[in-house]
N, C-alpha and C. Protein backbone atom coordinates (compact mmCIF):
# COMPACT_ATOMS: atom_id res chain seq x y z
N MET A 1 -8.98 17.26 -5.60
CA MET A 1 -9.76 16.75 -4.67
C MET A 1 -11.00 17.63 -4.01
N ILE A 2 -11.88 16.69 -4.01
CA ILE A 2 -13.41 17.40 -3.51
C ILE A 2 -13.25 17.74 -2.26
N PRO A 3 -13.65 19.08 -1.80
CA PRO A 3 -13.69 19.48 -0.52
C PRO A 3 -14.35 18.50 0.48
N LEU A 4 -14.09 18.15 1.54
CA LEU A 4 -14.67 17.31 2.63
C LEU A 4 -16.16 17.36 2.58
N LYS A 5 -16.46 18.81 2.92
CA LYS A 5 -18.12 19.11 2.95
C LYS A 5 -18.75 18.62 1.77
N GLU A 6 -18.42 18.80 0.72
CA GLU A 6 -19.02 18.37 -0.42
C GLU A 6 -18.93 17.02 -0.57
N ALA A 7 -17.84 16.24 -0.32
CA ALA A 7 -17.67 14.98 -0.74
C ALA A 7 -18.59 13.98 0.37
N THR A 8 -19.18 14.75 1.29
CA THR A 8 -19.75 13.93 2.30
C THR A 8 -21.26 14.27 2.46
N ALA A 9 -21.54 15.43 1.58
CA ALA A 9 -22.90 16.05 1.58
C ALA A 9 -24.00 15.31 1.47
N GLU A 10 -24.01 14.13 0.58
CA GLU A 10 -24.97 13.19 0.30
C GLU A 10 -25.39 12.33 1.34
N LYS A 11 -24.09 11.85 2.24
CA LYS A 11 -24.51 11.03 3.38
C LYS A 11 -25.06 11.84 4.60
N HIS A 12 -24.56 13.09 4.60
CA HIS A 12 -25.01 13.84 5.56
C HIS A 12 -26.50 14.25 5.48
N LYS A 13 -26.93 14.50 4.18
CA LYS A 13 -28.25 14.82 3.91
C LYS A 13 -29.09 13.48 4.42
N GLN A 14 -28.54 12.41 3.96
CA GLN A 14 -29.32 10.97 4.52
C GLN A 14 -29.44 10.91 5.90
N ALA A 15 -28.33 11.17 6.60
CA ALA A 15 -28.42 10.93 8.08
C ALA A 15 -29.48 11.96 8.69
N GLU A 16 -29.45 13.22 8.13
CA GLU A 16 -30.51 14.11 8.53
C GLU A 16 -31.92 13.77 8.60
N ARG A 17 -31.90 13.07 7.49
CA ARG A 17 -33.52 12.51 7.20
C ARG A 17 -33.88 11.39 7.73
N MET A 18 -33.14 10.74 8.54
CA MET A 18 -33.51 9.64 9.25
C MET A 18 -34.71 9.94 9.92
N PRO A 19 -35.84 9.00 10.06
CA PRO A 19 -37.05 9.28 10.69
C PRO A 19 -36.89 9.47 12.30
N PHE A 20 -35.81 8.73 12.90
CA PHE A 20 -35.48 8.93 14.42
C PHE A 20 -35.19 10.56 14.34
N ASN A 21 -34.31 10.70 13.60
CA ASN A 21 -33.30 12.04 13.66
C ASN A 21 -34.59 13.24 13.60
N ILE A 22 -35.42 12.97 12.62
CA ILE A 22 -36.44 13.91 12.32
C ILE A 22 -37.39 14.24 13.59
N ARG A 23 -37.78 12.88 14.13
CA ARG A 23 -38.69 12.93 15.31
C ARG A 23 -37.77 13.81 16.56
N MET A 24 -36.48 13.64 16.76
CA MET A 24 -35.83 14.23 17.67
C MET A 24 -35.68 15.76 17.38
N PHE A 25 -35.64 16.19 16.32
CA PHE A 25 -35.62 17.46 15.74
C PHE A 25 -36.83 18.25 16.31
N ARG A 26 -38.00 17.57 15.99
CA ARG A 26 -39.26 17.96 16.10
C ARG A 26 -39.85 17.84 17.62
N GLY A 27 -38.86 17.49 18.60
CA GLY A 27 -39.26 17.16 19.96
C GLY A 27 -40.23 16.18 20.13
N GLN A 28 -40.11 15.19 19.21
CA GLN A 28 -41.13 14.21 19.41
C GLN A 28 -40.72 12.92 20.26
N LEU A 29 -39.49 12.94 20.81
CA LEU A 29 -39.05 11.81 21.36
C LEU A 29 -39.37 11.85 22.84
N SER A 30 -39.80 10.57 23.47
CA SER A 30 -40.12 10.34 24.70
C SER A 30 -38.80 10.44 25.60
N LYS A 31 -38.66 10.74 26.78
CA LYS A 31 -37.49 10.51 27.73
C LYS A 31 -36.86 9.13 27.40
N ASP A 32 -37.52 8.09 27.42
CA ASP A 32 -36.98 6.74 27.19
C ASP A 32 -36.27 6.94 25.75
N GLU A 33 -37.14 7.32 24.80
CA GLU A 33 -36.41 7.19 23.21
C GLU A 33 -35.11 8.25 23.35
N TYR A 34 -35.13 9.31 23.95
CA TYR A 34 -34.05 10.11 23.81
C TYR A 34 -32.67 9.49 24.74
N ARG A 35 -33.29 9.05 25.75
CA ARG A 35 -32.07 8.17 26.62
C ARG A 35 -31.62 7.14 25.88
N LEU A 36 -32.25 6.26 25.13
CA LEU A 36 -31.58 5.35 24.34
C LEU A 36 -30.66 6.01 23.33
N TYR A 37 -31.12 6.94 22.76
CA TYR A 37 -30.20 7.54 21.94
C TYR A 37 -28.70 8.25 22.55
N LEU A 38 -28.97 8.69 23.88
CA LEU A 38 -27.83 9.09 24.70
C LEU A 38 -26.97 8.11 24.99
N VAL A 39 -27.47 6.79 25.40
CA VAL A 39 -26.62 5.65 25.68
C VAL A 39 -25.72 5.25 24.40
N GLN A 40 -26.41 5.43 23.28
CA GLN A 40 -25.28 5.31 22.11
C GLN A 40 -24.52 6.37 21.86
N GLN A 41 -24.79 7.43 22.00
CA GLN A 41 -23.88 8.55 21.82
C GLN A 41 -22.64 8.60 22.92
N ALA A 42 -23.06 8.11 24.30
CA ALA A 42 -22.05 7.99 25.25
C ALA A 42 -21.02 6.85 24.70
N GLU A 43 -21.48 5.84 24.48
CA GLU A 43 -20.39 4.92 23.71
C GLU A 43 -19.45 5.35 22.65
N ILE A 44 -20.06 5.94 21.66
CA ILE A 44 -19.38 6.47 20.57
C ILE A 44 -18.27 7.50 21.29
N PHE A 45 -18.78 8.53 21.99
CA PHE A 45 -17.88 9.55 22.39
C PHE A 45 -16.63 8.95 23.46
N ASN A 46 -17.11 7.82 24.16
CA ASN A 46 -16.29 7.29 24.85
C ASN A 46 -15.05 6.51 24.11
N ALA A 47 -15.34 5.95 23.02
CA ALA A 47 -14.45 5.26 22.11
C ALA A 47 -13.42 6.25 21.51
N ILE A 48 -14.00 7.43 21.06
CA ILE A 48 -13.19 8.56 20.57
C ILE A 48 -12.27 9.20 21.47
N GLU A 49 -13.01 9.50 22.54
CA GLU A 49 -12.30 10.37 23.77
C GLU A 49 -11.09 9.47 24.34
N ALA A 50 -11.33 8.23 24.26
CA ALA A 50 -10.17 7.31 24.66
C ALA A 50 -9.01 7.47 23.84
N LYS A 51 -9.26 7.78 22.72
CA LYS A 51 -8.15 8.02 21.59
C LYS A 51 -7.57 9.53 21.62
N GLY A 52 -8.49 10.36 22.21
CA GLY A 52 -8.20 11.68 22.19
C GLY A 52 -8.54 12.51 21.18
N THR A 53 -9.14 13.91 21.53
CA THR A 53 -9.64 14.77 20.56
C THR A 53 -8.63 16.10 20.69
N PRO A 54 -8.61 16.75 19.59
CA PRO A 54 -7.89 18.02 19.32
C PRO A 54 -7.95 19.09 20.18
N HIS A 55 -9.12 19.10 21.26
CA HIS A 55 -9.20 20.04 22.11
C HIS A 55 -10.21 19.48 23.20
N PRO A 56 -9.68 19.89 24.50
CA PRO A 56 -10.40 19.34 25.68
C PRO A 56 -12.04 19.58 25.75
N SER A 57 -12.19 20.89 25.15
CA SER A 57 -13.65 21.33 25.13
C SER A 57 -14.58 20.36 24.18
N LEU A 58 -14.19 19.72 23.42
CA LEU A 58 -14.89 18.81 22.43
C LEU A 58 -15.52 17.77 23.38
N ASN A 59 -14.74 17.16 24.31
CA ASN A 59 -15.31 15.81 25.01
C ASN A 59 -16.47 16.12 25.55
N ARG A 60 -17.31 15.11 25.21
CA ARG A 60 -18.89 14.97 25.68
C ARG A 60 -19.17 13.88 26.49
N HIS A 61 -18.33 12.80 26.61
CA HIS A 61 -18.87 11.70 27.44
C HIS A 61 -19.48 12.06 28.75
N THR A 62 -18.68 12.98 29.62
CA THR A 62 -19.20 13.37 30.93
C THR A 62 -20.70 13.90 30.81
N LEU A 63 -20.65 14.87 29.87
CA LEU A 63 -22.01 15.60 29.64
C LEU A 63 -23.05 15.03 29.21
N VAL A 64 -22.90 13.89 28.31
CA VAL A 64 -23.84 12.92 27.81
C VAL A 64 -24.22 12.11 29.09
N GLN A 65 -23.38 11.54 29.86
CA GLN A 65 -23.63 10.85 31.20
C GLN A 65 -24.64 11.57 32.07
N ALA A 66 -24.38 12.88 32.26
CA ALA A 66 -25.17 13.81 33.22
C ALA A 66 -26.50 13.92 32.53
N ASP A 67 -26.67 13.85 31.14
CA ASP A 67 -27.97 14.01 30.59
C ASP A 67 -28.89 12.66 30.81
N ILE A 68 -28.07 11.55 30.81
CA ILE A 68 -28.71 10.30 31.18
C ILE A 68 -29.01 10.21 32.57
N GLU A 69 -28.12 10.84 33.51
CA GLU A 69 -28.80 10.58 34.86
C GLU A 69 -29.91 11.54 35.02
N GLU A 70 -29.83 12.64 34.47
CA GLU A 70 -31.05 13.63 34.60
C GLU A 70 -32.40 12.74 34.32
N LEU A 71 -32.22 12.04 33.17
CA LEU A 71 -33.36 11.33 32.49
C LEU A 71 -33.99 10.23 33.64
N LYS A 72 -32.56 9.40 34.02
CA LYS A 72 -32.88 8.30 35.04
C LYS A 72 -33.71 8.72 36.14
N GLU A 73 -33.32 10.10 36.64
CA GLU A 73 -33.76 10.58 37.89
C GLU A 73 -35.55 10.89 37.54
N ALA A 74 -35.57 11.21 36.29
CA ALA A 74 -37.01 11.63 35.87
C ALA A 74 -37.88 10.29 35.83
N GLY A 75 -37.17 9.15 35.83
CA GLY A 75 -38.15 7.81 35.73
C GLY A 75 -37.74 7.02 34.68
N SER A 76 -36.70 7.55 33.62
CA SER A 76 -36.39 6.56 32.38
C SER A 76 -35.56 5.52 32.70
N THR A 77 -35.94 4.37 32.10
CA THR A 77 -35.26 2.99 32.32
C THR A 77 -34.35 2.59 31.37
N THR A 78 -34.27 3.08 30.00
CA THR A 78 -33.72 2.48 28.95
C THR A 78 -32.26 2.57 29.04
N ASP A 79 -31.59 1.49 28.86
CA ASP A 79 -29.91 1.53 28.88
C ASP A 79 -29.26 0.64 27.94
N GLU A 80 -30.17 0.10 26.97
CA GLU A 80 -29.73 -0.83 26.02
C GLU A 80 -28.84 -0.38 24.97
N LEU A 81 -27.79 -1.08 24.80
CA LEU A 81 -26.69 -0.64 23.58
C LEU A 81 -26.87 -1.55 22.47
N LEU A 82 -27.17 -0.65 21.38
CA LEU A 82 -27.63 -1.38 20.22
C LEU A 82 -26.61 -1.98 19.41
N GLU A 83 -26.91 -3.10 18.63
CA GLU A 83 -25.79 -3.80 18.00
C GLU A 83 -25.07 -3.05 16.90
N SER A 84 -25.93 -2.02 16.31
CA SER A 84 -25.32 -1.22 15.36
C SER A 84 -24.34 -0.20 16.09
N THR A 85 -24.61 0.14 17.17
CA THR A 85 -23.65 1.02 18.07
C THR A 85 -22.32 0.16 18.56
N ARG A 86 -22.61 -1.13 18.85
CA ARG A 86 -21.48 -2.11 19.11
C ARG A 86 -20.42 -1.98 17.84
N THR A 87 -21.12 -2.18 16.62
CA THR A 87 -20.35 -2.28 15.41
C THR A 87 -19.53 -0.96 15.01
N TYR A 88 -20.16 0.14 15.42
CA TYR A 88 -19.52 1.57 14.93
C TYR A 88 -18.32 1.39 16.07
N VAL A 89 -18.63 1.21 17.36
CA VAL A 89 -17.59 1.39 18.34
C VAL A 89 -16.43 0.30 18.27
N SER A 90 -16.66 -0.65 17.67
CA SER A 90 -15.62 -1.52 17.17
C SER A 90 -14.92 -1.15 16.20
N HIS A 91 -15.35 -0.67 15.21
CA HIS A 91 -14.63 0.10 14.22
C HIS A 91 -13.64 1.35 14.77
N LEU A 92 -14.30 2.30 15.57
CA LEU A 92 -13.55 3.30 16.11
C LEU A 92 -12.45 2.64 17.26
N ASN A 93 -12.45 1.46 17.72
CA ASN A 93 -11.47 1.00 18.67
C ASN A 93 -10.40 0.63 17.75
N SER A 94 -10.79 0.14 16.53
CA SER A 94 -9.56 -0.76 15.40
C SER A 94 -8.87 0.73 14.99
N LEU A 95 -9.41 1.75 15.04
CA LEU A 95 -8.29 2.85 14.40
C LEU A 95 -7.36 3.37 15.29
N LEU A 96 -6.16 3.48 14.56
CA LEU A 96 -4.86 3.84 15.02
C LEU A 96 -4.64 5.34 15.03
N GLY A 97 -4.12 5.90 16.03
CA GLY A 97 -3.42 7.31 16.00
C GLY A 97 -4.66 8.52 15.58
N ASN A 98 -4.12 9.04 14.56
CA ASN A 98 -4.79 10.26 13.99
C ASN A 98 -5.95 9.63 12.97
N ASP A 99 -6.28 8.37 12.87
CA ASP A 99 -7.35 7.74 12.04
C ASP A 99 -8.62 8.00 12.74
N ILE A 100 -8.46 8.48 14.03
CA ILE A 100 -9.85 8.74 14.63
C ILE A 100 -10.43 10.19 14.16
N LEU A 101 -9.64 10.94 13.76
CA LEU A 101 -9.83 12.17 13.49
C LEU A 101 -11.06 12.62 12.58
N PRO A 102 -11.26 11.81 11.37
CA PRO A 102 -12.46 11.87 10.71
C PRO A 102 -13.71 11.74 11.51
N HIS A 103 -13.77 10.90 12.47
CA HIS A 103 -14.71 10.65 13.49
C HIS A 103 -15.00 11.66 14.53
N VAL A 104 -13.95 12.50 14.73
CA VAL A 104 -14.20 13.51 15.48
C VAL A 104 -14.93 14.59 14.73
N TYR A 105 -14.41 14.93 13.52
CA TYR A 105 -15.07 15.78 12.52
C TYR A 105 -16.58 15.53 12.55
N LEU A 106 -16.85 14.34 12.29
CA LEU A 106 -18.27 13.89 12.06
C LEU A 106 -19.09 14.07 13.24
N ASN A 107 -18.57 13.53 14.29
CA ASN A 107 -19.65 13.39 15.49
C ASN A 107 -19.32 14.68 16.42
N TYR A 108 -18.48 15.42 16.39
CA TYR A 108 -18.29 16.56 17.27
C TYR A 108 -18.66 17.90 16.49
N LEU A 109 -18.44 18.01 15.40
CA LEU A 109 -19.15 19.34 14.66
C LEU A 109 -20.63 18.97 14.56
N ALA A 110 -21.13 17.90 14.39
CA ALA A 110 -22.59 17.61 14.12
C ALA A 110 -23.20 18.15 15.47
N ILE A 111 -22.63 17.71 16.71
CA ILE A 111 -23.30 18.26 17.95
C ILE A 111 -23.12 19.56 18.13
N MET A 112 -21.71 20.07 17.73
CA MET A 112 -21.78 21.58 17.77
C MET A 112 -22.61 22.34 16.98
N PHE A 113 -22.76 22.06 15.73
CA PHE A 113 -23.63 22.96 15.07
C PHE A 113 -25.06 22.47 14.89
N GLY A 114 -25.46 21.39 14.48
CA GLY A 114 -27.00 20.95 14.39
C GLY A 114 -27.53 20.90 15.70
N GLY A 115 -26.61 20.53 16.87
CA GLY A 115 -26.95 20.29 18.13
C GLY A 115 -27.60 21.23 18.84
N GLN A 116 -26.96 22.69 18.41
CA GLN A 116 -27.68 23.90 19.09
C GLN A 116 -29.09 24.05 18.67
N MET A 117 -29.49 23.60 17.64
CA MET A 117 -30.97 23.56 17.39
C MET A 117 -31.67 22.49 18.01
N MET A 118 -31.08 21.24 18.10
CA MET A 118 -31.46 20.15 18.76
C MET A 118 -31.77 20.32 20.11
N LYS A 119 -30.86 21.08 20.77
CA LYS A 119 -30.95 21.25 22.31
C LYS A 119 -32.46 21.55 22.72
N LYS A 120 -33.13 22.52 21.84
CA LYS A 120 -34.22 23.17 22.24
C LYS A 120 -35.45 22.01 22.15
N ALA A 121 -35.06 21.07 21.55
CA ALA A 121 -36.25 20.07 21.24
C ALA A 121 -36.22 18.81 22.10
N VAL A 122 -35.08 18.54 22.89
CA VAL A 122 -34.84 17.23 23.56
C VAL A 122 -35.61 17.34 25.03
N PRO A 123 -35.88 16.15 25.50
CA PRO A 123 -36.69 16.12 26.79
C PRO A 123 -35.63 15.95 27.93
N SER A 124 -34.44 16.95 27.93
CA SER A 124 -33.74 16.96 29.00
C SER A 124 -33.07 18.37 28.82
N THR A 125 -32.11 18.53 29.86
CA THR A 125 -31.44 19.83 29.76
C THR A 125 -30.47 19.87 28.59
N GLY A 126 -29.93 18.95 28.05
CA GLY A 126 -29.20 19.01 26.70
C GLY A 126 -27.70 19.46 27.16
N ARG A 127 -27.16 19.02 28.13
CA ARG A 127 -25.73 19.44 28.47
C ARG A 127 -24.80 18.78 27.39
N MET A 128 -25.17 17.87 26.78
CA MET A 128 -24.60 17.39 25.67
C MET A 128 -24.13 18.49 24.49
N TYR A 129 -24.88 19.56 24.34
CA TYR A 129 -24.87 20.28 23.32
C TYR A 129 -24.17 21.72 23.86
N ASP A 130 -23.74 21.68 25.20
CA ASP A 130 -23.26 22.80 25.50
C ASP A 130 -21.52 22.68 25.57
N PHE A 131 -20.79 23.75 24.96
CA PHE A 131 -19.47 23.74 24.74
C PHE A 131 -18.89 24.92 25.41
N ASP A 132 -17.77 24.73 26.06
CA ASP A 132 -16.94 25.86 26.74
C ASP A 132 -16.05 25.92 25.68
N ASN A 133 -15.79 27.19 25.36
CA ASN A 133 -14.58 27.56 24.15
C ASN A 133 -15.26 26.93 22.87
N MET A 134 -16.43 27.08 22.49
CA MET A 134 -16.76 26.53 21.17
C MET A 134 -16.13 26.99 20.18
N GLN A 135 -15.58 28.17 19.94
CA GLN A 135 -14.90 28.70 19.03
C GLN A 135 -13.52 28.00 18.84
N GLU A 136 -12.91 27.93 19.91
CA GLU A 136 -11.66 27.49 19.97
C GLU A 136 -11.62 25.77 19.55
N ALA A 137 -12.52 25.21 20.11
CA ALA A 137 -12.80 23.70 19.77
C ALA A 137 -13.10 23.39 18.40
N MET A 138 -13.77 24.28 17.76
CA MET A 138 -14.17 24.16 16.35
C MET A 138 -12.82 24.38 15.51
N MET A 139 -12.13 25.35 16.05
CA MET A 139 -10.98 25.68 15.13
C MET A 139 -10.00 24.64 15.30
N ALA A 140 -9.83 24.20 16.58
CA ALA A 140 -9.08 22.72 16.81
C ALA A 140 -9.22 21.62 15.67
N VAL A 141 -10.83 21.39 15.25
CA VAL A 141 -10.89 20.42 14.48
C VAL A 141 -10.76 20.83 13.17
N ARG A 142 -11.04 22.15 12.75
CA ARG A 142 -10.59 22.73 11.32
C ARG A 142 -9.16 22.55 11.20
N GLN A 143 -8.26 22.99 12.24
CA GLN A 143 -6.77 22.96 11.85
C GLN A 143 -6.46 21.61 11.34
N VAL A 144 -7.05 20.43 11.83
CA VAL A 144 -6.48 19.27 11.21
C VAL A 144 -7.23 18.71 10.39
N GLN A 145 -8.44 19.19 10.04
CA GLN A 145 -9.31 18.85 8.97
C GLN A 145 -8.81 18.54 7.44
N ARG A 146 -8.95 17.08 6.85
CA ARG A 146 -8.33 16.95 5.77
C ARG A 146 -9.47 16.54 4.58
N ASP A 147 -9.30 17.05 3.21
CA ASP A 147 -10.25 16.62 2.57
C ASP A 147 -10.10 14.95 2.20
N ASP A 148 -8.97 14.34 2.32
CA ASP A 148 -9.01 12.91 2.04
C ASP A 148 -9.63 12.08 3.18
N TRP A 149 -10.39 12.85 4.25
CA TRP A 149 -10.98 12.12 4.93
C TRP A 149 -12.25 11.50 4.52
N ALA A 150 -12.82 11.98 3.23
CA ALA A 150 -13.99 11.75 2.96
C ALA A 150 -14.62 10.42 3.00
N ASP A 151 -13.68 9.33 2.59
CA ASP A 151 -14.08 7.86 2.60
C ASP A 151 -14.43 7.59 3.90
N GLU A 152 -13.44 7.96 4.92
CA GLU A 152 -13.94 7.63 6.47
C GLU A 152 -14.97 8.19 7.16
N VAL A 153 -15.07 9.42 6.68
CA VAL A 153 -16.26 10.17 7.31
C VAL A 153 -17.47 9.70 6.74
N ASN A 154 -17.74 9.26 5.34
CA ASN A 154 -18.73 8.69 4.85
C ASN A 154 -18.92 7.16 5.56
N LYS A 155 -18.01 6.50 5.95
CA LYS A 155 -18.08 5.24 6.72
C LYS A 155 -18.83 5.87 7.77
N GLY A 156 -18.16 6.61 8.51
CA GLY A 156 -19.14 6.96 9.76
C GLY A 156 -20.40 7.29 9.68
N PHE A 157 -20.56 8.16 8.68
CA PHE A 157 -22.15 8.37 8.46
C PHE A 157 -22.97 6.85 8.09
N ASP A 158 -22.33 6.03 7.50
CA ASP A 158 -22.99 4.88 7.20
C ASP A 158 -23.44 4.10 8.60
N TYR A 159 -22.42 4.24 9.54
CA TYR A 159 -22.68 3.70 10.93
C TYR A 159 -23.79 4.29 11.54
N LEU A 160 -23.71 5.71 11.44
CA LEU A 160 -24.82 6.70 12.27
C LEU A 160 -26.22 6.33 11.54
N ILE A 161 -26.18 6.13 10.35
CA ILE A 161 -27.31 6.04 9.60
C ILE A 161 -28.09 4.63 10.10
N THR A 162 -27.05 3.56 10.07
CA THR A 162 -27.63 2.16 10.68
C THR A 162 -28.15 2.56 12.12
N ILE A 163 -27.47 3.23 13.07
CA ILE A 163 -27.81 3.39 14.42
C ILE A 163 -29.11 3.98 14.30
N PHE A 164 -29.25 5.26 13.47
CA PHE A 164 -30.64 6.01 13.67
C PHE A 164 -31.88 4.80 13.16
N ASP A 165 -31.40 4.05 12.16
CA ASP A 165 -32.34 3.09 11.58
C ASP A 165 -32.69 2.06 12.78
N GLU A 166 -31.81 1.68 13.55
CA GLU A 166 -32.00 0.75 14.53
C GLU A 166 -32.89 1.36 15.70
N LEU A 167 -32.38 2.27 16.12
CA LEU A 167 -33.11 3.48 17.08
C LEU A 167 -34.59 3.73 16.56
N GLU A 168 -34.81 3.88 15.36
CA GLU A 168 -36.36 4.00 14.94
C GLU A 168 -37.20 2.57 15.03
N LYS A 169 -36.35 1.68 14.55
CA LYS A 169 -37.25 0.28 14.75
C LYS A 169 -37.38 -0.13 16.22
N VAL A 170 -36.27 0.04 17.12
CA VAL A 170 -36.66 -0.37 18.57
C VAL A 170 -37.72 0.61 19.29
N THR A 171 -37.66 1.91 18.78
CA THR A 171 -38.62 2.78 19.76
C THR A 171 -40.10 2.66 19.12
N VAL A 172 -40.09 2.49 17.66
CA VAL A 172 -41.64 2.28 17.19
C VAL A 172 -42.10 1.00 17.73
N SER A 173 -41.18 0.08 17.88
CA SER A 173 -41.79 -0.97 18.48
C SER A 173 -42.24 -1.32 19.83
N GLN A 174 -41.89 -0.14 20.68
CA GLN A 174 -42.11 -0.19 22.12
C GLN A 174 -43.50 0.15 22.38
């Protein structure tokens, strides 16, 4: 069996290269654009965390909400939940038991690793990227990680790519 990282590398690269993601990495998002992204993240994390994560330090929903509140206090007004996010959350809600774990791997390790660079570029404090016990949290995911998650992780990437595409379309048209 192909290792998980290798089996998902193509979709990972595609997600990283989405125009919205590139603009975020370059620090080119307005407060409203970043808040719109955070609203999507909050819904995704809420759906995953309702089913449970392998370590409490992984949980992001409260931290994302704090970032949203910070942007709200700074005058940002965007709270729209995108259709692509609704679709992904519906999929997450349909998963049973440990079937959520590939999405923990996808969403939380992305924030943990790529997010450390991203934090410097976002127009907020970036609490979402702060992890207590980062090493323990990462190891908790690594201990349950399985190579046979590739199909589900790639499906998650497809959802995220669609969300990034919709974010770009919505923010460019504003």
